[in-house]
């Protein structure tokens, strides 16, 4: 590992920047796939599904109130 680091230090700055960009891109891709994997396992959990449906209940109630209010104002039902 020390040889690799010393070899990179001897390279011109432009080459070192390219190596840095490639390293950052690879790291970002690995993190992205780990995030996607963990998101899939979290969303498939039964507790999460129940919590999501409970979180959407107030939004459904708000939607129903808005629709009822619009219908009462416009006179159509």
C-alpha atoms as a PDB file:
ATOM      1  CA  UNK A   1       0.000   0.000   0.000  1.00  0.00           C
ATOM      2  CA  UNK A   2       2.848   2.375   0.790  1.00  0.00           C
ATOM      3  CA  UNK A   3       4.273   1.803  -2.688  1.00  0.00           C
ATOM      4  CA  UNK A   4       0.964   2.727  -4.275  1.00  0.00           C
ATOM      5  CA  UNK A   5       0.726   5.950  -2.259  1.00  0.00           C
ATOM      6  CA  UNK A   6       4.318   6.916  -3.036  1.00  0.00           C
ATOM      7  CA  UNK A   7       3.744   6.142  -6.701  1.00  0.00           C
ATOM      8  CA  UNK A   8       0.662   8.365  -6.770  1.00  0.00           C
ATOM      9  CA  UNK A   9       2.529  11.188  -5.030  1.00  0.00           C
ATOM     10  CA  UNK A  10       5.144  11.144  -7.784  1.00  0.00           C
ATOM     11  CA  UNK A  11       2.536  11.638 -10.500  1.00  0.00           C
ATOM     12  CA  UNK A  12       1.714  15.083 -11.894  1.00  0.00           C
ATOM     13  CA  UNK A  13      -1.185  16.938 -10.289  1.00  0.00           C
ATOM     14  CA  UNK A  14      -3.495  16.314 -13.253  1.00  0.00           C
ATOM     15  CA  UNK A  15      -3.047  12.540 -12.960  1.00  0.00           C
ATOM     16  CA  UNK A  16      -3.620  12.700  -9.198  1.00  0.00           C
ATOM     17  CA  UNK A  17      -6.856  14.622  -9.768  1.00  0.00           C
ATOM     18  CA  UNK A  18      -8.050  11.979 -12.235  1.00  0.00           C
ATOM     19  CA  UNK A  19      -7.271   9.244  -9.714  1.00  0.00           C
ATOM     20  CA  UNK A  20      -9.147  11.200  -7.041  1.00  0.00           C
ATOM     21  CA  UNK A  21     -12.198  11.640  -9.292  1.00  0.00           C
ATOM     22  CA  UNK A  22     -12.257   7.947 -10.160  1.00  0.00           C
ATOM     23  CA  UNK A  23     -11.934   7.009  -6.484  1.00  0.00           C
ATOM     24  CA  UNK A  24     -14.774   9.357  -5.478  1.00  0.00           C
ATOM     25  CA  UNK A  25     -17.007   8.059  -8.284  1.00  0.00           C
ATOM     26  CA  UNK A  26     -16.425   4.430  -7.278  1.00  0.00           C
ATOM     27  CA  UNK A  27     -17.121   5.255  -3.638  1.00  0.00           C
ATOM     28  CA  UNK A  28     -20.333   7.100  -4.569  1.00  0.00           C
ATOM     29  CA  UNK A  29     -21.541   4.147  -6.662  1.00  0.00           C
ATOM     30  CA  UNK A  30     -20.887   1.745  -3.787  1.00  0.00           C
ATOM     31  CA  UNK A  31     -22.772   4.007  -1.355  1.00  0.00           C
ATOM     32  CA  UNK A  32     -25.664   4.354  -3.817  1.00  0.00           C
ATOM     33  CA  UNK A  33     -26.067   0.592  -4.156  1.00  0.00           C
ATOM     34  CA  UNK A  34     -25.858   0.114  -0.391  1.00  0.00           C
ATOM     35  CA  UNK A  35     -28.550   2.783   0.032  1.00  0.00           C
ATOM     36  CA  UNK A  36     -30.800   1.119  -2.563  1.00  0.00           C
ATOM     37  CA  UNK A  37     -30.336  -2.277  -0.888  1.00  0.00           C
ATOM     38  CA  UNK A  38     -31.127  -0.931   2.578  1.00  0.00           C
ATOM     39  CA  UNK A  39     -34.111   1.018   1.248  1.00  0.00           C
ATOM     40  CA  UNK A  40     -35.534  -2.147  -0.286  1.00  0.00           C
ATOM     41  CA  UNK A  41     -35.151  -4.144   2.907  1.00  0.00           C
ATOM     42  CA  UNK A  42     -36.657  -1.319   4.969  1.00  0.00           C
ATOM     43  CA  UNK A  43     -39.687  -0.901   2.724  1.00  0.00           C
ATOM     44  CA  UNK A  44     -40.373  -4.633   2.713  1.00  0.00           C
ATOM     45  CA  UNK A  45     -40.576  -4.697   6.527  1.00  0.00           C
ATOM     46  CA  UNK A  46     -44.163  -5.203   7.770  1.00  0.00           C
ATOM     47  CA  UNK A  47     -43.830  -2.556  10.496  1.00  0.00           C
ATOM     48  CA  UNK A  48     -42.811   0.005   7.898  1.00  0.00           C
ATOM     49  CA  UNK A  49     -45.809  -0.829   5.706  1.00  0.00           C
ATOM     50  CA  UNK A  50     -48.187  -0.344   8.629  1.00  0.00           C
ATOM     51  CA  UNK A  51     -46.536   2.948   9.589  1.00  0.00           C
ATOM     52  CA  UNK A  52     -46.759   4.216   5.998  1.00  0.00           C
ATOM     53  CA  UNK A  53     -50.505   3.520   5.834  1.00  0.00           C
ATOM     54  CA  UNK A  54     -51.003   5.255   9.184  1.00  0.00           C
ATOM     55  CA  UNK A  55     -49.016   8.260   7.999  1.00  0.00           C
ATOM     56  CA  UNK A  56     -51.208   8.579   4.898  1.00  0.00           C
ATOM     57  CA  UNK A  57     -54.528   8.638   6.807  1.00  0.00           C
ATOM     58  CA  UNK A  58     -54.374  12.383   7.629  1.00  0.00           C
ATOM     59  CA  UNK A  59     -53.630  13.139   3.985  1.00  0.00           C
ATOM     60  CA  UNK A  60     -56.668  11.114   2.903  1.00  0.00           C
ATOM     61  CA  UNK A  61     -58.829  12.992   5.408  1.00  0.00           C
ATOM     62  CA  UNK A  62     -57.520  16.326   4.112  1.00  0.00           C
ATOM     63  CA  UNK A  63     -58.234  15.259   0.540  1.00  0.00           C
ATOM     64  CA  UNK A  64     -61.798  14.249   1.473  1.00  0.00           C
ATOM     65  CA  UNK A  65     -62.366  17.602   3.228  1.00  0.00           C
ATOM     66  CA  UNK A  66     -61.097  19.532   0.221  1.00  0.00           C
ATOM     67  CA  UNK A  67     -63.322  17.589  -2.151  1.00  0.00           C
ATOM     68  CA  UNK A  68     -66.370  18.040   0.092  1.00  0.00           C
ATOM     69  CA  UNK A  69     -65.652  21.757   0.433  1.00  0.00           C
ATOM     70  CA  UNK A  70     -65.318  22.175  -3.323  1.00  0.00           C
ATOM     71  CA  UNK A  71     -68.547  20.262  -3.925  1.00  0.00           C
ATOM     72  CA  UNK A  72     -70.456  22.372  -1.390  1.00  0.00           C
ATOM     73  CA  UNK A  73     -69.201  25.603  -2.952  1.00  0.00           C
ATOM     74  CA  UNK A  74     -69.820  24.596  -6.539  1.00  0.00           C
ATOM     75  CA  UNK A  75     -73.193  23.039  -5.746  1.00  0.00           C
ATOM     76  CA  UNK A  76     -72.443  19.786  -7.561  1.00  0.00           C
ATOM     77  CA  UNK A  77     -72.545  16.478  -5.765  1.00  0.00           C
END
